[in-house]
Amino acid sequence: MSIRFTAKVGRGMVALTVAAGLALGVAGCGGGGDGDDKSSPSASAPKDSGSQPSAQEGQADAPLAELKGTDGLLLRVTSAQRDAGGFVTVSGSLKNDGAESVAIPAQTSGDETEVIKHGQSLGGATLVDSKGKKRYYVLRDTDGRPLTTTGLTTLEGGQELPVFMQFPAPPAGTADVALQLPTFSSGTIKISG
C-alpha cells in the first residue's frame, strides 16, 4: 500500500513541477500587467481554480476575432501571446449575447476521455496552422487536466466570463492561425510575441 501512495505522491509532484513551470511562463508573458498575479494560479489549475482566466490585464480595443456559437454565445479573443517556454496563451471572454440563460455546450470540452473527466471546459479548442499543415490541441497537465478555463456551466443573459486556453506554440515564423472550438464558428487570430 505504501508503494502506491509513494507513486501517487511522485506523480503529484511531477504535476506540481510542470504546473509551476507553466505558471512562471504565463506570468512572464502577461504583457504590461498591473501587478495583478491572478494569471499564475489559472495556468497551474490543479483542480477547481481552472475557471480563472490567465493574463487578461488590458483588453485590446478591437478583438483579434469573434467566434459565434449556438444560442447567442460569443467567444471574443483579445490576445494570443507566444511565450519563450514554447506555448501560446489565447485570452478573451465568453459572452451570452442573448436575454435568456444559456448552457455552455458539452462539446466545447472536446471528446477526449482524459479531458472530459475533469469537468466542462474549453478543452476541445484547437489552433490550426494551415501553412505548416498542423493542428495544435489545448495543453494538458500530467493528470490530463486541460490548461484552459474549466467549470463552465451556464451564462445568464448578458453575462460575460473571462477565458483562456494554452496551446503548444507553432513555429516562430507562423503568426496567423485559425482558432476552432466545437459549436462555434472558426476565426483567424494573429499570434504576438
C-alpha atoms as a PDB file:
ATOM      1  CA  MET A   1       0.000   0.000   0.000  1.00  0.00           C
ATOM      2  CA  SER A   2       2.837   2.414   0.777  1.00  0.00           C
ATOM      3  CA  ILE A   3       4.277   1.829  -2.713  1.00  0.00           C
ATOM      4  CA  ARG A   4       1.023   3.010  -4.305  1.00  0.00           C
ATOM      5  CA  PHE A   5       0.975   6.030  -2.031  1.00  0.00           C
ATOM      6  CA  THR A   6       4.557   6.896  -2.973  1.00  0.00           C
ATOM      7  CA  ALA A   7       3.749   6.548  -6.682  1.00  0.00           C
ATOM      8  CA  LYS A   8       0.799   8.904  -6.325  1.00  0.00           C
ATOM      9  CA  VAL A   9       2.899  11.434  -4.420  1.00  0.00           C
ATOM     10  CA  GLY A  10       5.596  11.231  -7.102  1.00  0.00           C
ATOM     11  CA  ARG A  11       3.056  11.762  -9.865  1.00  0.00           C
ATOM     12  CA  GLY A  12       1.570  14.689  -7.949  1.00  0.00           C
ATOM     13  CA  MET A  13       4.997  16.249  -7.525  1.00  0.00           C
ATOM     14  CA  VAL A  14       5.646  15.924 -11.268  1.00  0.00           C
ATOM     15  CA  ALA A  15       2.293  17.572 -11.990  1.00  0.00           C
ATOM     16  CA  LEU A  16       3.062  20.318  -9.477  1.00  0.00           C
ATOM     17  CA  THR A  17       6.501  20.895 -11.010  1.00  0.00           C
ATOM     18  CA  VAL A  18       5.086  21.062 -14.556  1.00  0.00           C
ATOM     19  CA  ALA A  19       2.262  23.339 -13.428  1.00  0.00           C
ATOM     20  CA  ALA A  20       4.691  25.637 -11.603  1.00  0.00           C
ATOM     21  CA  GLY A  21       6.861  25.894 -14.723  1.00  0.00           C
ATOM     22  CA  LEU A  22       3.848  26.769 -16.862  1.00  0.00           C
ATOM     23  CA  ALA A  23       2.687  29.309 -14.286  1.00  0.00           C
ATOM     24  CA  LEU A  24       6.061  31.041 -14.433  1.00  0.00           C
ATOM     25  CA  GLY A  25       5.837  31.103 -18.223  1.00  0.00           C
ATOM     26  CA  VAL A  26       2.362  32.647 -18.133  1.00  0.00           C
ATOM     27  CA  ALA A  27       3.481  35.254 -15.606  1.00  0.00           C
ATOM     28  CA  GLY A  28       6.409  36.128 -17.865  1.00  0.00           C
ATOM     29  CA  CYS A  29       4.211  36.668 -20.927  1.00  0.00           C
ATOM     30  CA  GLY A  30       1.446  38.618 -19.197  1.00  0.00           C
ATOM     31  CA  GLY A  31       2.082  41.718 -21.279  1.00  0.00           C
ATOM     32  CA  GLY A  32       2.050  45.062 -19.494  1.00  0.00           C
ATOM     33  CA  GLY A  33       0.206  43.878 -16.435  1.00  0.00           C
ATOM     34  CA  ASP A  34      -0.785  45.971 -13.483  1.00  0.00           C
ATOM     35  CA  GLY A  35       0.939  43.695 -10.989  1.00  0.00           C
ATOM     36  CA  ASP A  36      -2.147  41.521 -10.552  1.00  0.00           C
ATOM     37  CA  ASP A  37      -0.864  37.942 -10.450  1.00  0.00           C
ATOM     38  CA  LYS A  38      -4.188  36.151 -10.882  1.00  0.00           C
ATOM     39  CA  SER A  39      -2.850  34.616 -14.086  1.00  0.00           C
ATOM     40  CA  SER A  40      -0.471  32.166 -12.414  1.00  0.00           C
ATOM     41  CA  PRO A  41      -2.995  30.065 -10.469  1.00  0.00           C
ATOM     42  CA  SER A  42      -5.118  29.506 -13.557  1.00  0.00           C
ATOM     43  CA  ALA A  43      -2.219  28.197 -15.573  1.00  0.00           C
ATOM     44  CA  SER A  44      -1.337  25.677 -12.908  1.00  0.00           C
ATOM     45  CA  ALA A  45      -5.016  24.805 -12.377  1.00  0.00           C
ATOM     46  CA  PRO A  46      -4.629  21.846 -10.066  1.00  0.00           C
ATOM     47  CA  LYS A  47      -8.376  21.348  -9.580  1.00  0.00           C
ATOM     48  CA  ASP A  48     -11.073  23.957  -9.168  1.00  0.00           C
ATOM     49  CA  SER A  49      -9.057  27.106  -9.889  1.00  0.00           C
ATOM     50  CA  GLY A  50      -9.032  26.381 -13.657  1.00  0.00           C
ATOM     51  CA  SER A  51     -12.018  28.645 -14.172  1.00  0.00           C
ATOM     52  CA  GLN A  52      -9.897  31.708 -13.528  1.00  0.00           C
ATOM     53  CA  PRO A  53      -8.517  33.458 -16.625  1.00  0.00           C
ATOM     54  CA  SER A  54      -4.865  33.867 -17.455  1.00  0.00           C
ATOM     55  CA  ALA A  55      -3.226  37.184 -18.288  1.00  0.00           C
ATOM     56  CA  GLN A  56      -6.148  39.441 -19.057  1.00  0.00           C
ATOM     57  CA  GLU A  57      -4.937  42.779 -17.740  1.00  0.00           C
ATOM     58  CA  GLY A  58      -5.755  45.012 -20.680  1.00  0.00           C
ATOM     59  CA  GLN A  59      -8.232  44.041 -23.317  1.00  0.00           C
ATOM     60  CA  ALA A  60      -7.491  45.258 -26.821  1.00  0.00           C
ATOM     61  CA  ASP A  61      -9.680  47.977 -28.319  1.00  0.00           C
ATOM     62  CA  ALA A  62     -10.700  45.652 -31.134  1.00  0.00           C
ATOM     63  CA  PRO A  63     -10.752  41.878 -30.583  1.00  0.00           C
ATOM     64  CA  LEU A  64      -8.491  39.653 -32.676  1.00  0.00           C
ATOM     65  CA  ALA A  65     -11.539  37.537 -33.556  1.00  0.00           C
ATOM     66  CA  GLU A  66     -15.148  36.931 -32.591  1.00  0.00           C
ATOM     67  CA  LEU A  67     -16.430  33.365 -32.883  1.00  0.00           C
ATOM     68  CA  LYS A  68     -20.196  32.946 -32.829  1.00  0.00           C
ATOM     69  CA  GLY A  69     -21.643  29.946 -31.060  1.00  0.00           C
ATOM     70  CA  THR A  70     -25.085  28.491 -30.528  1.00  0.00           C
ATOM     71  CA  ASP A  71     -27.900  30.286 -28.676  1.00  0.00           C
ATOM     72  CA  GLY A  72     -26.222  33.708 -28.734  1.00  0.00           C
ATOM     73  CA  LEU A  73     -22.869  32.661 -27.281  1.00  0.00           C
ATOM     74  CA  LEU A  74     -19.895  34.731 -28.436  1.00  0.00           C
ATOM     75  CA  LEU A  75     -16.204  33.969 -27.910  1.00  0.00           C
ATOM     76  CA  ARG A  76     -14.243  37.218 -28.179  1.00  0.00           C
ATOM     77  CA  VAL A  77     -10.452  36.697 -28.490  1.00  0.00           C
ATOM     78  CA  THR A  78      -8.442  39.674 -27.230  1.00  0.00           C
ATOM     79  CA  SER A  79      -4.889  38.278 -27.212  1.00  0.00           C
ATOM     80  CA  ALA A  80      -2.777  35.369 -28.441  1.00  0.00           C
ATOM     81  CA  GLN A  81       0.611  35.657 -26.801  1.00  0.00           C
ATOM     82  CA  ARG A  82       3.610  33.459 -27.661  1.00  0.00           C
ATOM     83  CA  ASP A  83       5.880  32.578 -24.736  1.00  0.00           C
ATOM     84  CA  ALA A  84       9.576  31.695 -24.853  1.00  0.00           C
ATOM     85  CA  GLY A  85       8.654  28.493 -22.986  1.00  0.00           C
ATOM     86  CA  GLY A  86       7.104  27.078 -26.155  1.00  0.00           C
ATOM     87  CA  PHE A  87       3.406  27.739 -25.755  1.00  0.00           C
ATOM     88  CA  VAL A  88       0.731  30.231 -26.790  1.00  0.00           C
ATOM     89  CA  THR A  89      -1.879  31.630 -24.400  1.00  0.00           C
ATOM     90  CA  VAL A  90      -5.128  32.714 -26.044  1.00  0.00           C
ATOM     91  CA  SER A  91      -7.211  35.014 -23.835  1.00  0.00           C
ATOM     92  CA  GLY A  92     -10.583  36.642 -24.208  1.00  0.00           C
ATOM     93  CA  SER A  93     -14.148  36.346 -22.989  1.00  0.00           C
ATOM     94  CA  LEU A  94     -17.171  34.148 -23.454  1.00  0.00           C
ATOM     95  CA  LYS A  95     -20.395  36.141 -23.546  1.00  0.00           C
ATOM     96  CA  ASN A  96     -24.073  35.332 -23.696  1.00  0.00           C
ATOM     97  CA  ASP A  97     -25.395  37.950 -26.129  1.00  0.00           C
ATOM     98  CA  GLY A  98     -28.965  36.769 -25.604  1.00  0.00           C
ATOM     99  CA  ALA A  99     -31.517  37.647 -22.942  1.00  0.00           C
ATOM    100  CA  GLU A 100     -32.102  34.089 -21.673  1.00  0.00           C
ATOM    101  CA  SER A 101     -29.784  31.845 -19.658  1.00  0.00           C
ATOM    102  CA  VAL A 102     -27.742  29.510 -21.903  1.00  0.00           C
ATOM    103  CA  ALA A 103     -25.973  26.256 -21.045  1.00  0.00           C
ATOM    104  CA  ILE A 104     -22.419  26.028 -22.386  1.00  0.00           C
ATOM    105  CA  PRO A 105     -22.460  23.116 -24.876  1.00  0.00           C
ATOM    106  CA  ALA A 106     -20.702  19.991 -23.571  1.00  0.00           C
ATOM    107  CA  GLN A 107     -18.947  19.694 -26.959  1.00  0.00           C
ATOM    108  CA  THR A 108     -16.639  22.609 -26.043  1.00  0.00           C
ATOM    109  CA  SER A 109     -14.763  20.162 -23.800  1.00  0.00           C
ATOM    110  CA  GLY A 110     -13.903  18.001 -26.801  1.00  0.00           C
ATOM    111  CA  ASP A 111     -14.196  14.224 -26.836  1.00  0.00           C
ATOM    112  CA  GLU A 112     -11.016  13.056 -25.092  1.00  0.00           C
ATOM    113  CA  THR A 113     -11.826  10.970 -22.014  1.00  0.00           C
ATOM    114  CA  GLU A 114      -8.895  12.378 -20.015  1.00  0.00           C
ATOM    115  CA  VAL A 115     -10.124  15.955 -20.547  1.00  0.00           C
ATOM    116  CA  ILE A 116     -13.840  15.272 -20.055  1.00  0.00           C
ATOM    117  CA  LYS A 117     -13.328  13.566 -16.696  1.00  0.00           C
ATOM    118  CA  HIS A 118     -12.090  16.890 -15.262  1.00  0.00           C
ATOM    119  CA  GLY A 119     -15.341  18.742 -15.955  1.00  0.00           C
ATOM    120  CA  GLN A 120     -16.651  21.049 -18.610  1.00  0.00           C
ATOM    121  CA  SER A 121     -14.019  23.265 -20.215  1.00  0.00           C
ATOM    122  CA  LEU A 122     -12.756  24.727 -23.483  1.00  0.00           C
ATOM    123  CA  GLY A 123     -10.535  21.642 -23.872  1.00  0.00           C
ATOM    124  CA  GLY A 124     -11.909  20.930 -27.353  1.00  0.00           C
ATOM    125  CA  ALA A 125     -10.318  24.076 -28.803  1.00  0.00           C
ATOM    126  CA  THR A 126      -7.584  23.783 -31.430  1.00  0.00           C
ATOM    127  CA  LEU A 127      -5.232  26.097 -33.304  1.00  0.00           C
ATOM    128  CA  VAL A 128      -4.771  25.237 -36.978  1.00  0.00           C
ATOM    129  CA  ASP A 129      -1.618  26.260 -38.819  1.00  0.00           C
ATOM    130  CA  SER A 130      -2.683  25.848 -42.443  1.00  0.00           C
ATOM    131  CA  LYS A 131       0.748  26.920 -43.699  1.00  0.00           C
ATOM    132  CA  GLY A 132       2.527  24.220 -41.673  1.00  0.00           C
ATOM    133  CA  LYS A 133      -0.406  21.804 -42.035  1.00  0.00           C
ATOM    134  CA  LYS A 134      -0.606  21.157 -38.283  1.00  0.00           C
ATOM    135  CA  ARG A 135      -3.321  21.214 -35.630  1.00  0.00           C
ATOM    136  CA  TYR A 136      -2.446  22.128 -32.032  1.00  0.00           C
ATOM    137  CA  TYR A 137      -4.619  20.915 -29.140  1.00  0.00           C
ATOM    138  CA  VAL A 138      -5.082  22.528 -25.727  1.00  0.00           C
ATOM    139  CA  LEU A 139      -2.222  21.570 -23.414  1.00  0.00           C
ATOM    140  CA  ARG A 140      -2.860  19.180 -20.517  1.00  0.00           C
ATOM    141  CA  ASP A 141      -1.042  18.660 -17.250  1.00  0.00           C
ATOM    142  CA  THR A 142       0.274  15.232 -16.251  1.00  0.00           C
ATOM    143  CA  ASP A 143      -3.133  14.281 -14.794  1.00  0.00           C
ATOM    144  CA  GLY A 144      -4.926  15.114 -18.044  1.00  0.00           C
ATOM    145  CA  ARG A 145      -6.448  18.418 -16.870  1.00  0.00           C
ATOM    146  CA  PRO A 146      -6.724  20.888 -19.749  1.00  0.00           C
ATOM    147  CA  LEU A 147      -4.844  24.178 -19.375  1.00  0.00           C
ATOM    148  CA  THR A 148      -7.905  26.251 -20.127  1.00  0.00           C
ATOM    149  CA  THR A 149     -10.884  27.729 -18.368  1.00  0.00           C
ATOM    150  CA  THR A 150     -12.839  24.955 -16.643  1.00  0.00           C
ATOM    151  CA  GLY A 151     -16.008  24.666 -14.597  1.00  0.00           C
ATOM    152  CA  LEU A 152     -18.214  26.141 -17.314  1.00  0.00           C
ATOM    153  CA  THR A 153     -21.935  25.535 -16.882  1.00  0.00           C
ATOM    154  CA  THR A 154     -24.341  28.314 -17.856  1.00  0.00           C
ATOM    155  CA  LEU A 155     -24.228  32.022 -18.636  1.00  0.00           C
ATOM    156  CA  GLU A 156     -27.100  34.309 -17.734  1.00  0.00           C
ATOM    157  CA  GLY A 157     -28.399  36.739 -20.350  1.00  0.00           C
ATOM    158  CA  GLY A 158     -25.715  39.397 -20.996  1.00  0.00           C
ATOM    159  CA  GLN A 159     -23.165  37.689 -18.713  1.00  0.00           C
ATOM    160  CA  GLU A 160     -19.519  37.715 -19.821  1.00  0.00           C
ATOM    161  CA  LEU A 161     -16.809  35.419 -18.453  1.00  0.00           C
ATOM    162  CA  PRO A 162     -13.036  35.847 -18.955  1.00  0.00           C
ATOM    163  CA  VAL A 163     -11.488  32.726 -20.511  1.00  0.00           C
ATOM    164  CA  PHE A 164      -8.091  31.402 -21.587  1.00  0.00           C
ATOM    165  CA  MET A 165      -6.604  28.444 -23.478  1.00  0.00           C
ATOM    166  CA  GLN A 166      -2.967  27.342 -23.766  1.00  0.00           C
ATOM    167  CA  PHE A 167      -1.536  25.539 -26.781  1.00  0.00           C
ATOM    168  CA  PRO A 168       1.894  24.365 -27.940  1.00  0.00           C
ATOM    169  CA  ALA A 169       3.411  27.187 -29.972  1.00  0.00           C
ATOM    170  CA  PRO A 170       3.582  26.878 -33.750  1.00  0.00           C
ATOM    171  CA  PRO A 171       6.991  27.618 -35.348  1.00  0.00           C
ATOM    172  CA  ALA A 172       8.296  31.164 -34.838  1.00  0.00           C
ATOM    173  CA  GLY A 173       7.581  32.092 -38.476  1.00  0.00           C
ATOM    174  CA  THR A 174       3.869  31.297 -38.061  1.00  0.00           C
ATOM    175  CA  ALA A 175       1.749  34.229 -36.879  1.00  0.00           C
ATOM    176  CA  ASP A 176      -1.707  33.613 -38.366  1.00  0.00           C
ATOM    177  CA  VAL A 177      -3.638  30.561 -37.165  1.00  0.00           C
ATOM    178  CA  ALA A 178      -7.290  29.537 -37.114  1.00  0.00           C
ATOM    179  CA  LEU A 179      -8.899  29.100 -33.705  1.00  0.00           C
ATOM    180  CA  GLN A 180     -11.561  26.398 -33.674  1.00  0.00           C
ATOM    181  CA  LEU A 181     -13.928  25.497 -30.840  1.00  0.00           C
ATOM    182  CA  PRO A 182     -16.723  22.930 -31.211  1.00  0.00           C
ATOM    183  CA  THR A 183     -20.183  24.539 -31.786  1.00  0.00           C
ATOM    184  CA  PHE A 184     -18.514  27.903 -32.616  1.00  0.00           C
ATOM    185  CA  SER A 185     -17.542  29.433 -35.951  1.00  0.00           C
ATOM    186  CA  SER A 186     -13.835  29.402 -36.781  1.00  0.00           C
ATOM    187  CA  GLY A 187     -11.742  32.581 -36.715  1.00  0.00           C
ATOM    188  CA  THR A 188      -8.245  33.618 -37.718  1.00  0.00           C
ATOM    189  CA  ILE A 189      -6.084  35.156 -34.996  1.00  0.00           C
ATOM    190  CA  LYS A 190      -2.600  36.666 -35.046  1.00  0.00           C
ATOM    191  CA  ILE A 191      -0.066  35.391 -32.503  1.00  0.00           C
ATOM    192  CA  SER A 192       2.122  38.102 -30.968  1.00  0.00           C
ATOM    193  CA  GLY A 193       5.439  37.799 -29.183  1.00  0.00           C
END
